[in-house]
PDB file of N, CA and C in Angstrom:
ATOM      1  N   UNK A   1      21.959-208.662-122.577  1.00  0.00           N
ATOM      2  CA  UNK A   1      22.612-209.911-122.407  1.00  0.00           C
ATOM      3  C   UNK A   1      24.166-209.704-122.354  1.00  0.00           C
ATOM      4  N   UNK A   2      24.795-210.472-121.511  1.00  0.00           N
ATOM      5  CA  UNK A   2      26.282-210.368-121.297  1.00  0.00           C
ATOM      6  C   UNK A   2      26.843-211.733-121.985  1.00  0.00           C
ATOM      7  N   UNK A   3      27.913-211.406-122.807  1.00  0.00           N
ATOM      8  CA  UNK A   3      28.513-212.474-123.520  1.00  0.00           C
ATOM      9  C   UNK A   3      30.032-212.317-123.036  1.00  0.00           C
ATOM     10  N   UNK A   4      30.509-213.412-122.494  1.00  0.00           N
ATOM     11  CA  UNK A   4      32.076-213.517-122.087  1.00  0.00           C
ATOM     12  C   UNK A   4      32.504-214.755-122.634  1.00  0.00           C
ATOM     13  N   UNK A   5      33.599-214.502-123.306  1.00  0.00           N
ATOM     14  CA  UNK A   5      34.291-215.818-123.841  1.00  0.00           C
ATOM     15  C   UNK A   5      35.955-215.593-123.730  1.00  0.00           C
ATOM     16  N   UNK A   6      36.523-216.818-123.774  1.00  0.00           N
ATOM     17  CA  UNK A   6      38.090-216.743-123.691  1.00  0.00           C
ATOM     18  C   UNK A   6      38.680-216.750-122.337  1.00  0.00           C
ATOM     19  N   UNK A   7      39.997-216.418-122.369  1.00  0.00           N
ATOM     20  CA  UNK A   7      40.859-216.396-121.124  1.00  0.00           C
ATOM     21  C   UNK A   7      40.797-215.004-120.588  1.00  0.00           C
ATOM     22  N   UNK A   8      40.304-214.908-119.376  1.00  0.00           N
ATOM     23  CA  UNK A   8      40.246-213.701-118.605  1.00  0.00           C
ATOM     24  C   UNK A   8      41.824-213.204-118.417  1.00  0.00           C
ATOM     25  N   UNK A   9      42.178-212.179-118.634  1.00  0.00           N
ATOM     26  CA  UNK A   9      43.693-211.832-118.290  1.00  0.00           C
ATOM     27  C   UNK A   9      43.746-210.792-117.284  1.00  0.00           C
ATOM     28  N   UNK A  10      44.449-211.214-116.227  1.00  0.00           N
ATOM     29  CA  UNK A  10      44.635-210.265-115.102  1.00  0.00           C
ATOM     30  C   UNK A  10      45.920-209.490-115.243  1.00  0.00           C
ATOM     31  N   UNK A  11      45.962-208.164-114.923  1.00  0.00           N
ATOM     32  CA  UNK A  11      47.203-207.472-115.123  1.00  0.00           C
ATOM     33  C   UNK A  11      48.372-207.993-114.311  1.00  0.00           C
ATOM     34  N   UNK A  12      48.018-208.520-113.085  1.00  0.00           N
ATOM     35  CA  UNK A  12      49.065-209.068-112.285  1.00  0.00           C
ATOM     36  C   UNK A  12      49.750-210.323-112.953  1.00  0.00           C
ATOM     37  N   UNK A  13      48.974-211.078-113.769  1.00  0.00           N
ATOM     38  CA  UNK A  13      49.569-212.195-114.385  1.00  0.00           C
ATOM     39  C   UNK A  13      50.290-211.777-115.597  1.00  0.00           C
ATOM     40  N   UNK A  14      49.636-210.808-116.462  1.00  0.00           N
ATOM     41  CA  UNK A  14      50.261-210.442-117.682  1.00  0.00           C
ATOM     42  C   UNK A  14      51.554-209.763-117.602  1.00  0.00           C
ATOM     43  N   UNK A  15      51.767-209.006-116.565  1.00  0.00           N
ATOM     44  CA  UNK A  15      53.019-208.292-116.345  1.00  0.00           C
ATOM     45  C   UNK A  15      54.246-209.240-116.017  1.00  0.00           C
ATOM     46  N   UNK A  16      53.893-210.566-115.441  1.00  0.00           N
ATOM     47  CA  UNK A  16      54.900-211.325-115.146  1.00  0.00           C
ATOM     48  C   UNK A  16      55.420-212.232-116.265  1.00  0.00           C
ATOM     49  N   UNK A  17      54.800-212.193-117.420  1.00  0.00           N
ATOM     50  CA  UNK A  17      55.248-212.948-118.554  1.00  0.00           C
ATOM     51  C   UNK A  17      56.409-212.287-119.142  1.00  0.00           C
ATOM     52  N   UNK A  18      57.478-212.979-119.313  1.00  0.00           N
ATOM     53  CA  UNK A  18      58.834-212.351-119.759  1.00  0.00           C
ATOM     54  C   UNK A  18      59.485-213.289-120.769  1.00  0.00           C
ATOM     55  N   UNK A  19      60.345-212.623-121.489  1.00  0.00           N
ATOM     56  CA  UNK A  19      60.985-213.451-122.543  1.00  0.00           C
ATOM     57  C   UNK A  19      61.876-214.378-121.749  1.00  0.00           C
ATOM     58  N   UNK A  20      62.110-215.557-122.371  1.00  0.00           N
ATOM     59  CA  UNK A  20      62.953-216.613-121.782  1.00  0.00           C
ATOM     60  C   UNK A  20      62.217-217.484-120.902  1.00  0.00           C
ATOM     61  N   UNK A  21      60.893-217.250-120.527  1.00  0.00           N
ATOM     62  CA  UNK A  21      60.072-218.233-119.787  1.00  0.00           C
ATOM     63  C   UNK A  21      59.776-219.499-120.569  1.00  0.00           C
ATOM     64  N   UNK A  22      59.589-220.669-119.869  1.00  0.00           N
ATOM     65  CA  UNK A  22      59.315-221.842-120.582  1.00  0.00           C
ATOM     66  C   UNK A  22      57.869-221.911-120.937  1.00  0.00           C
ATOM     67  N   UNK A  23      57.432-222.877-121.692  1.00  0.00           N
ATOM     68  CA  UNK A  23      55.958-223.127-122.002  1.00  0.00           C
ATOM     69  C   UNK A  23      55.239-223.465-120.704  1.00  0.00           C
ATOM     70  N   UNK A  24      55.920-224.264-119.865  1.00  0.00           N
ATOM     71  CA  UNK A  24      55.234-224.545-118.609  1.00  0.00           C
ATOM     72  C   UNK A  24      54.972-223.610-117.630  1.00  0.00           C
ATOM     73  N   UNK A  25      56.047-222.668-117.627  1.00  0.00           N
ATOM     74  CA  UNK A  25      55.840-221.421-116.733  1.00  0.00           C
ATOM     75  C   UNK A  25      54.709-220.473-117.144  1.00  0.00           C
ATOM     76  N   UNK A  26      54.640-220.306-118.540  1.00  0.00           N
ATOM     77  CA  UNK A  26      53.618-219.531-119.043  1.00  0.00           C
ATOM     78  C   UNK A  26      52.183-220.192-118.790  1.00  0.00           C
ATOM     79  N   UNK A  27      52.240-221.506-119.009  1.00  0.00           N
ATOM     80  CA  UNK A  27      50.776-222.257-118.864  1.00  0.00           C
ATOM     81  C   UNK A  27      50.467-222.210-117.355  1.00  0.00           C
ATOM     82  N   UNK A  28      51.356-222.250-116.400  1.00  0.00           N
ATOM     83  CA  UNK A  28      51.106-222.072-115.038  1.00  0.00           C
ATOM     84  C   UNK A  28      50.648-220.753-114.638  1.00  0.00           C
ATOM     85  N   UNK A  29      51.107-219.719-115.297  1.00  0.00           N
ATOM     86  CA  UNK A  29      50.769-218.408-115.000  1.00  0.00           C
ATOM     87  C   UNK A  29      49.467-217.943-115.675  1.00  0.00           C
ATOM     88  N   UNK A  30      49.255-218.300-116.954  1.00  0.00           N
ATOM     89  CA  UNK A  30      48.123-217.879-117.772  1.00  0.00           C
ATOM     90  C   UNK A  30      47.054-218.929-118.078  1.00  0.00           C
ATOM     91  N   UNK A  31      47.535-220.184-117.771  1.00  0.00           N
ATOM     92  CA  UNK A  31      46.491-221.221-118.113  1.00  0.00           C
ATOM     93  C   UNK A  31      46.685-221.655-119.478  1.00  0.00           C
ATOM     94  N   UNK A  32      45.939-222.442-120.068  1.00  0.00           N
ATOM     95  CA  UNK A  32      45.952-223.121-121.436  1.00  0.00           C
ATOM     96  C   UNK A  32      45.434-222.020-122.424  1.00  0.00           C
ATOM     97  N   UNK A  33      46.194-221.836-123.404  1.00  0.00           N
ATOM     98  CA  UNK A  33      45.639-220.787-124.433  1.00  0.00           C
ATOM     99  C   UNK A  33      44.363-221.030-124.951  1.00  0.00           C
ATOM    100  N   UNK A  34      43.495-220.032-125.294  1.00  0.00           N
ATOM    101  CA  UNK A  34      42.217-220.344-125.808  1.00  0.00           C
ATOM    102  C   UNK A  34      42.335-220.741-127.152  1.00  0.00           C
ATOM    103  N   UNK A  35      43.233-220.275-127.888  1.00  0.00           N
ATOM    104  CA  UNK A  35      43.419-220.648-129.305  1.00  0.00           C
ATOM    105  C   UNK A  35      44.648-221.308-129.732  1.00  0.00           C
ATOM    106  N   UNK A  36      44.809-222.675-129.473  1.00  0.00           N
ATOM    107  CA  UNK A  36      46.017-223.276-129.953  1.00  0.00           C
ATOM    108  C   UNK A  36      46.175-223.267-131.518  1.00  0.00           C
ATOM    109  N   UNK A  37      47.176-222.843-132.014  1.00  0.00           N
ATOM    110  CA  UNK A  37      47.342-222.808-133.528  1.00  0.00           C
ATOM    111  C   UNK A  37      47.825-224.084-134.077  1.00  0.00           C
ATOM    112  N   UNK A  38      46.980-224.678-134.907  1.00  0.00           N
ATOM    113  CA  UNK A  38      47.277-225.964-135.559  1.00  0.00           C
ATOM    114  C   UNK A  38      48.375-225.870-136.484  1.00  0.00           C
ATOM    115  N   UNK A  39      48.637-224.817-136.915  1.00  0.00           N
ATOM    116  CA  UNK A  39      49.711-224.689-138.006  1.00  0.00           C
ATOM    117  C   UNK A  39      51.013-224.115-137.554  1.00  0.00           C
ATOM    118  N   UNK A  40      51.015-223.491-136.416  1.00  0.00           N
ATOM    119  CA  UNK A  40      52.191-222.991-135.728  1.00  0.00           C
ATOM    120  C   UNK A  40      52.257-223.285-134.144  1.00  0.00           C
ATOM    121  N   UNK A  41      52.885-224.407-133.785  1.00  0.00           N
ATOM    122  CA  UNK A  41      52.882-224.708-132.428  1.00  0.00           C
ATOM    123  C   UNK A  41      53.780-223.907-131.459  1.00  0.00           C
ATOM    124  N   UNK A  42      54.476-222.937-132.161  1.00  0.00           N
ATOM    125  CA  UNK A  42      55.262-221.923-131.322  1.00  0.00           C
ATOM    126  C   UNK A  42      54.555-220.660-131.134  1.00  0.00           C
ATOM    127  N   UNK A  43      53.190-220.719-131.312  1.00  0.00           N
ATOM    128  CA  UNK A  43      52.454-219.404-131.083  1.00  0.00           C
ATOM    129  C   UNK A  43      51.184-219.682-130.154  1.00  0.00           C
ATOM    130  N   UNK A  44      50.991-219.080-129.066  1.00  0.00           N
ATOM    131  CA  UNK A  44      49.769-219.292-128.291  1.00  0.00           C
ATOM    132  C   UNK A  44      49.080-217.927-128.280  1.00  0.00           C
ATOM    133  N   UNK A  45      47.785-218.074-128.382  1.00  0.00           N
ATOM    134  CA  UNK A  45      46.910-216.830-128.347  1.00  0.00           C
ATOM    135  C   UNK A  45      45.862-216.974-127.251  1.00  0.00           C
ATOM    136  N   UNK A  46      46.000-215.943-126.347  1.00  0.00           N
ATOM    137  CA  UNK A  46      45.141-215.825-125.208  1.00  0.00           C
ATOM    138  C   UNK A  46      44.039-214.646-125.582  1.00  0.00           C
ATOM    139  N   UNK A  47      42.772-215.146-125.842  1.00  0.00           N
ATOM    140  CA  UNK A  47      41.902-214.097-126.292  1.00  0.00           C
ATOM    141  C   UNK A  47      40.806-213.999-125.173  1.00  0.00           C
ATOM    142  N   UNK A  48      40.280-212.653-125.014  1.00  0.00           N
ATOM    143  CA  UNK A  48      39.110-212.520-124.053  1.00  0.00           C
ATOM    144  C   UNK A  48      38.265-211.518-124.840  1.00  0.00           C
ATOM    145  N   UNK A  49      36.970-211.869-124.714  1.00  0.00           N
ATOM    146  CA  UNK A  49      35.844-211.078-125.212  1.00  0.00           C
ATOM    147  C   UNK A  49      34.692-210.820-124.295  1.00  0.00           C
ATOM    148  N   UNK A  50      34.364-209.597-124.047  1.00  0.00           N
ATOM    149  CA  UNK A  50      33.190-209.212-123.159  1.00  0.00           C
ATOM    150  C   UNK A  50      32.277-208.317-123.877  1.00  0.00           C
ATOM    151  N   UNK A  51      31.121-208.612-123.879  1.00  0.00           N
ATOM    152  CA  UNK A  51      30.076-207.866-124.409  1.00  0.00           C
ATOM    153  C   UNK A  51      28.823-207.697-123.537  1.00  0.00           C
ATOM    154  N   UNK A  52      28.651-206.465-123.004  1.00  0.00           N
ATOM    155  CA  UNK A  52      27.619-206.260-122.008  1.00  0.00           C
ATOM    156  C   UNK A  52      26.537-205.373-122.778  1.00  0.00           C
ATOM    157  N   UNK A  53      25.431-206.121-122.910  1.00  0.00           N
ATOM    158  CA  UNK A  53      24.230-205.369-123.438  1.00  0.00           C
ATOM    159  C   UNK A  53      24.477-205.309-125.012  1.00  0.00           C
ATOM    160  N   UNK A  54      23.481-204.565-125.646  1.00  0.00           N
ATOM    161  CA  UNK A  54      23.764-204.437-127.151  1.00  0.00           C
ATOM    162  C   UNK A  54      24.320-203.094-127.501  1.00  0.00           C
ATOM    163  N   UNK A  55      24.200-202.123-126.574  1.00  0.00           N
ATOM    164  CA  UNK A  55      24.581-200.779-126.980  1.00  0.00           C
ATOM    165  C   UNK A  55      26.067-200.461-126.630  1.00  0.00           C
ATOM    166  N   UNK A  56      26.698-201.222-125.741  1.00  0.00           N
ATOM    167  CA  UNK A  56      28.063-200.878-125.318  1.00  0.00           C
ATOM    168  C   UNK A  56      28.940-201.742-126.317  1.00  0.00           C
ATOM    169  N   UNK A  57      30.127-200.955-126.521  1.00  0.00           N
ATOM    170  CA  UNK A  57      31.169-201.631-127.317  1.00  0.00           C
ATOM    171  C   UNK A  57      31.831-202.793-126.603  1.00  0.00           C
ATOM    172  N   UNK A  58      32.083-203.778-127.303  1.00  0.00           N
ATOM    173  CA  UNK A  58      32.653-205.065-126.716  1.00  0.00           C
ATOM    174  C   UNK A  58      33.968-204.776-126.270  1.00  0.00           C
ATOM    175  N   UNK A  59      34.437-205.381-125.223  1.00  0.00           N
ATOM    176  CA  UNK A  59      35.879-205.345-124.733  1.00  0.00           C
ATOM    177  C   UNK A  59      36.588-206.568-125.333  1.00  0.00           C
ATOM    178  N   UNK A  60      37.703-206.377-126.124  1.00  0.00           N
ATOM    179  CA  UNK A  60      38.290-207.420-126.718  1.00  0.00           C
ATOM    180  C   UNK A  60      39.877-207.256-126.304  1.00  0.00           C
ATOM    181  N   UNK A  61      40.481-208.409-125.941  1.00  0.00           N
ATOM    182  CA  UNK A  61      41.876-208.370-125.531  1.00  0.00           C
ATOM    183  C   UNK A  61      42.606-209.621-126.219  1.00  0.00           C
ATOM    184  N   UNK A  62      43.841-209.404-126.516  1.00  0.00           N
ATOM    185  CA  UNK A  62      44.537-210.485-127.147  1.00  0.00           C
ATOM    186  C   UNK A  62      46.088-210.399-126.646  1.00  0.00           C
ATOM    187  N   UNK A  63      46.465-211.512-126.139  1.00  0.00           N
ATOM    188  CA  UNK A  63      47.937-211.652-125.716  1.00  0.00           C
ATOM    189  C   UNK A  63      48.496-212.842-126.544  1.00  0.00           C
ATOM    190  N   UNK A  64      49.394-212.558-127.422  1.00  0.00           N
ATOM    191  CA  UNK A  64      50.003-213.616-128.209  1.00  0.00           C
ATOM    192  C   UNK A  64      51.436-213.815-127.707  1.00  0.00           C
ATOM    193  N   UNK A  65      51.806-215.128-127.448  1.00  0.00           N
ATOM    194  CA  UNK A  65      53.045-215.440-127.003  1.00  0.00           C
ATOM    195  C   UNK A  65      53.698-216.322-128.108  1.00  0.00           C
ATOM    196  N   UNK A  66      54.918-215.909-128.478  1.00  0.00           N
ATOM    197  CA  UNK A  66      55.713-216.620-129.368  1.00  0.00           C
ATOM    198  C   UNK A  66      56.837-217.384-128.730  1.00  0.00           C
ATOM    199  N   UNK A  67      57.120-218.510-129.167  1.00  0.00           N
ATOM    200  CA  UNK A  67      58.174-219.281-128.764  1.00  0.00           C
ATOM    201  C   UNK A  67      59.315-219.701-129.524  1.00  0.00           C
ATOM    202  N   UNK A  68      60.510-219.686-129.162  1.00  0.00           N
ATOM    203  CA  UNK A  68      61.652-220.241-129.991  1.00  0.00           C
ATOM    204  C   UNK A  68      62.391-221.181-129.112  1.00  0.00           C
ATOM    205  N   UNK A  69      62.525-222.410-129.565  1.00  0.00           N
ATOM    206  CA  UNK A  69      63.229-223.433-128.717  1.00  0.00           C
ATOM    207  C   UNK A  69      62.569-223.433-127.400  1.00  0.00           C
ATOM    208  N   UNK A  70      61.245-223.626-127.397  1.00  0.00           N
ATOM    209  CA  UNK A  70      60.484-223.760-126.245  1.00  0.00           C
ATOM    210  C   UNK A  70      60.521-222.691-125.080  1.00  0.00           C
ATOM    211  N   UNK A  71      61.073-221.479-125.475  1.00  0.00           N
ATOM    212  CA  UNK A  71      61.127-220.353-124.558  1.00  0.00           C
ATOM    213  C   UNK A  71      60.505-219.229-125.229  1.00  0.00           C
ATOM    214  N   UNK A  72      59.789-218.295-124.321  1.00  0.00           N
ATOM    215  CA  UNK A  72      59.198-217.105-124.929  1.00  0.00           C
ATOM    216  C   UNK A  72      60.281-216.177-125.683  1.00  0.00           C
ATOM    217  N   UNK A  73      59.969-215.905-126.851  1.00  0.00           N
ATOM    218  CA  UNK A  73      60.854-215.135-127.633  1.00  0.00           C
ATOM    219  C   UNK A  73      60.317-213.777-127.892  1.00  0.00           C
ATOM    220  N   UNK A  74      58.879-213.614-127.881  1.00  0.00           N
ATOM    221  CA  UNK A  74      58.158-212.352-128.217  1.00  0.00           C
ATOM    222  C   UNK A  74      56.815-212.370-127.552  1.00  0.00           C
ATOM    223  N   UNK A  75      56.355-211.241-127.140  1.00  0.00           N
ATOM    224  CA  UNK A  75      55.004-211.108-126.603  1.00  0.00           C
ATOM    225  C   UNK A  75      54.330-209.943-127.295  1.00  0.00           C
ATOM    226  N   UNK A  76      53.159-210.193-127.791  1.00  0.00           N
ATOM    227  CA  UNK A  76      52.430-209.236-128.480  1.00  0.00           C
ATOM    228  C   UNK A  76      51.187-208.977-127.729  1.00  0.00           C
ATOM    229  N   UNK A  77      50.951-207.798-127.261  1.00  0.00           N
ATOM    230  CA  UNK A  77      49.806-207.444-126.428  1.00  0.00           C
ATOM    231  C   UNK A  77      48.878-206.463-127.103  1.00  0.00           C
ATOM    232  N   UNK A  78      47.580-206.865-127.342  1.00  0.00           N
ATOM    233  CA  UNK A  78      46.698-205.934-127.909  1.00  0.00           C
ATOM    234  C   UNK A  78      45.494-205.745-126.933  1.00  0.00           C
ATOM    235  N   UNK A  79      45.437-204.941-126.120  1.00  0.00           N
ATOM    236  CA  UNK A  79      44.343-204.535-125.221  1.00  0.00           C
ATOM    237  C   UNK A  79      44.389-205.317-123.886  1.00  0.00           C
ATOM    238  N   UNK A  80      45.266-206.190-123.647  1.00  0.00           N
ATOM    239  CA  UNK A  80      45.313-206.922-122.331  1.00  0.00           C
ATOM    240  C   UNK A  80      45.971-205.924-121.241  1.00  0.00           C
ATOM    241  N   UNK A  81      45.258-206.101-120.036  1.00  0.00           N
ATOM    242  CA  UNK A  81      45.765-205.009-118.999  1.00  0.00           C
ATOM    243  C   UNK A  81      47.164-205.389-118.591  1.00  0.00           C
ATOM    244  N   UNK A  82      47.868-204.132-118.329  1.00  0.00           N
ATOM    245  CA  UNK A  82      49.111-204.223-117.825  1.00  0.00           C
ATOM    246  C   UNK A  82      49.342-203.364-116.589  1.00  0.00           C
ATOM    247  N   UNK A  83      48.319-202.559-116.216  1.00  0.00           N
ATOM    248  CA  UNK A  83      48.464-201.734-114.955  1.00  0.00           C
ATOM    249  C   UNK A  83      47.877-202.229-113.784  1.00  0.00           C
ATOM    250  N   UNK A  84      48.607-202.642-112.787  1.00  0.00           N
ATOM    251  CA  UNK A  84      48.237-203.358-111.528  1.00  0.00           C
ATOM    252  C   UNK A  84      47.761-202.027-110.646  1.00  0.00           C
ATOM    253  N   UNK A  85      46.566-201.927-110.076  1.00  0.00           N
ATOM    254  CA  UNK A  85      46.256-200.839-109.204  1.00  0.00           C
ATOM    255  C   UNK A  85      47.086-200.742-108.005  1.00  0.00           C
ATOM    256  N   UNK A  86      47.389-199.527-107.689  1.00  0.00           N
ATOM    257  CA  UNK A  86      48.404-199.299-106.597  1.00  0.00           C
ATOM    258  C   UNK A  86      47.900-199.905-105.265  1.00  0.00           C
ATOM    259  N   UNK A  87      46.582-199.943-105.119  1.00  0.00           N
ATOM    260  CA  UNK A  87      46.151-200.546-103.927  1.00  0.00           C
ATOM    261  C   UNK A  87      46.358-201.977-103.811  1.00  0.00           C
ATOM    262  N   UNK A  88      46.640-202.681-104.870  1.00  0.00           N
ATOM    263  CA  UNK A  88      46.939-204.162-104.925  1.00  0.00           C
ATOM    264  C   UNK A  88      48.465-204.450-104.902  1.00  0.00           C
ATOM    265  N   UNK A  89      49.265-203.385-105.185  1.00  0.00           N
ATOM    266  CA  UNK A  89      50.668-203.660-105.104  1.00  0.00           C
ATOM    267  C   UNK A  89      51.171-204.199-103.784  1.00  0.00           C
ATOM    268  N   UNK A  90      52.104-205.160-103.646  1.00  0.00           N
ATOM    269  CA  UNK A  90      52.595-205.528-102.472  1.00  0.00           C
ATOM    270  C   UNK A  90      53.248-204.394-101.743  1.00  0.00           C
ATOM    271  N   UNK A  91      52.988-204.135-100.500  1.00  0.00           N
ATOM    272  CA  UNK A  91      53.598-203.260 -99.740  1.00  0.00           C
ATOM    273  C   UNK A  91      54.911-203.552 -99.136  1.00  0.00           C
ATOM    274  N   UNK A  92      55.893-202.619 -99.206  1.00  0.00           N
ATOM    275  CA  UNK A  92      57.252-202.862 -98.746  1.00  0.00           C
ATOM    276  C   UNK A  92      57.125-203.017 -97.215  1.00  0.00           C
ATOM    277  N   UNK A  93      57.742-204.005 -96.634  1.00  0.00           N
ATOM    278  CA  UNK A  93      57.717-204.137 -95.136  1.00  0.00           C
ATOM    279  C   UNK A  93      59.152-204.313 -94.707  1.00  0.00           C
ATOM    280  N   UNK A  94      59.286-203.916 -93.339  1.00  0.00           N
ATOM    281  CA  UNK A  94      60.535-204.255 -92.755  1.00  0.00           C
ATOM    282  C   UNK A  94      60.304-205.141 -91.610  1.00  0.00           C
ATOM    283  N   UNK A  95      61.273-205.992 -91.247  1.00  0.00           N
ATOM    284  CA  UNK A  95      61.106-206.976 -90.273  1.00  0.00           C
ATOM    285  C   UNK A  95      60.491-206.341 -89.002  1.00  0.00           C
ATOM    286  N   UNK A  96      60.905-205.149 -88.564  1.00  0.00           N
ATOM    287  CA  UNK A  96      60.499-204.470 -87.424  1.00  0.00           C
ATOM    288  C   UNK A  96      58.936-204.180 -87.502  1.00  0.00           C
ATOM    289  N   UNK A  97      58.521-203.939 -88.710  1.00  0.00           N
ATOM    290  CA  UNK A  97      57.134-203.586 -88.969  1.00  0.00           C
ATOM    291  C   UNK A  97      56.152-204.771 -88.899  1.00  0.00           C
ATOM    292  N   UNK A  98      56.729-205.938 -89.179  1.00  0.00           N
ATOM    293  CA  UNK A  98      56.018-207.162 -89.229  1.00  0.00           C
ATOM    294  C   UNK A  98      55.497-207.618 -87.964  1.00  0.00           C
ATOM    295  N   UNK A  99      56.285-207.692 -87.033  1.00  0.00           N
ATOM    296  CA  UNK A  99      55.944-208.072 -85.612  1.00  0.00           C
ATOM    297  C   UNK A  99      56.749-207.520 -84.564  1.00  0.00           C
ATOM    298  N   UNK A 100      56.109-207.424 -83.401  1.00  0.00           N
ATOM    299  CA  UNK A 100      57.020-206.779 -82.260  1.00  0.00           C
ATOM    300  C   UNK A 100      58.191-207.640 -81.861  1.00  0.00           C
ATOM    301  N   UNK A 101      59.155-207.053 -81.387  1.00  0.00           N
ATOM    302  CA  UNK A 101      60.384-207.904 -81.085  1.00  0.00           C
ATOM    303  C   UNK A 101      60.036-208.811 -79.839  1.00  0.00           C
ATOM    304  N   UNK A 102      60.608-209.876 -79.836  1.00  0.00           N
ATOM    305  CA  UNK A 102      60.406-211.008 -78.781  1.00  0.00           C
ATOM    306  C   UNK A 102      60.872-210.478 -77.528  1.00  0.00           C
ATOM    307  N   UNK A 103      60.227-210.772 -76.405  1.00  0.00           N
ATOM    308  CA  UNK A 103      60.684-210.382 -75.052  1.00  0.00           C
ATOM    309  C   UNK A 103      61.635-211.452 -74.568  1.00  0.00           C
ATOM    310  N   UNK A 104      62.728-211.056 -73.985  1.00  0.00           N
ATOM    311  CA  UNK A 104      63.648-212.031 -73.356  1.00  0.00           C
ATOM    312  C   UNK A 104      63.324-212.103 -71.861  1.00  0.00           C
ATOM    313  N   UNK A 105      63.316-213.304 -71.189  1.00  0.00           N
ATOM    314  CA  UNK A 105      63.092-213.464 -69.861  1.00  0.00           C
ATOM    315  C   UNK A 105      64.294-212.963 -69.058  1.00  0.00           C
TER     316      UNK A 105
END
């Protein structure tokens, strides 16, 4: 039996979170946090848990974002992915490579 809970964290999104971002920017990028802290409104926890079968170890990830004056002041990453596969990285392109030059009459 597979059990999946929480916020799935994609490396492409995780690496974009930077100090100085606003709450709105973080929410747009990562979505609503799984665990809003009732006692500390300046801390957002994004948790992800995946358990496949009974014999495999569960995959657990936690990304905690701390805010000061409504801006990201610290990021704590425990197991969230940060490596974007090279095949998914945007390729550098030049204008000449994008399209052939226009013909003039």
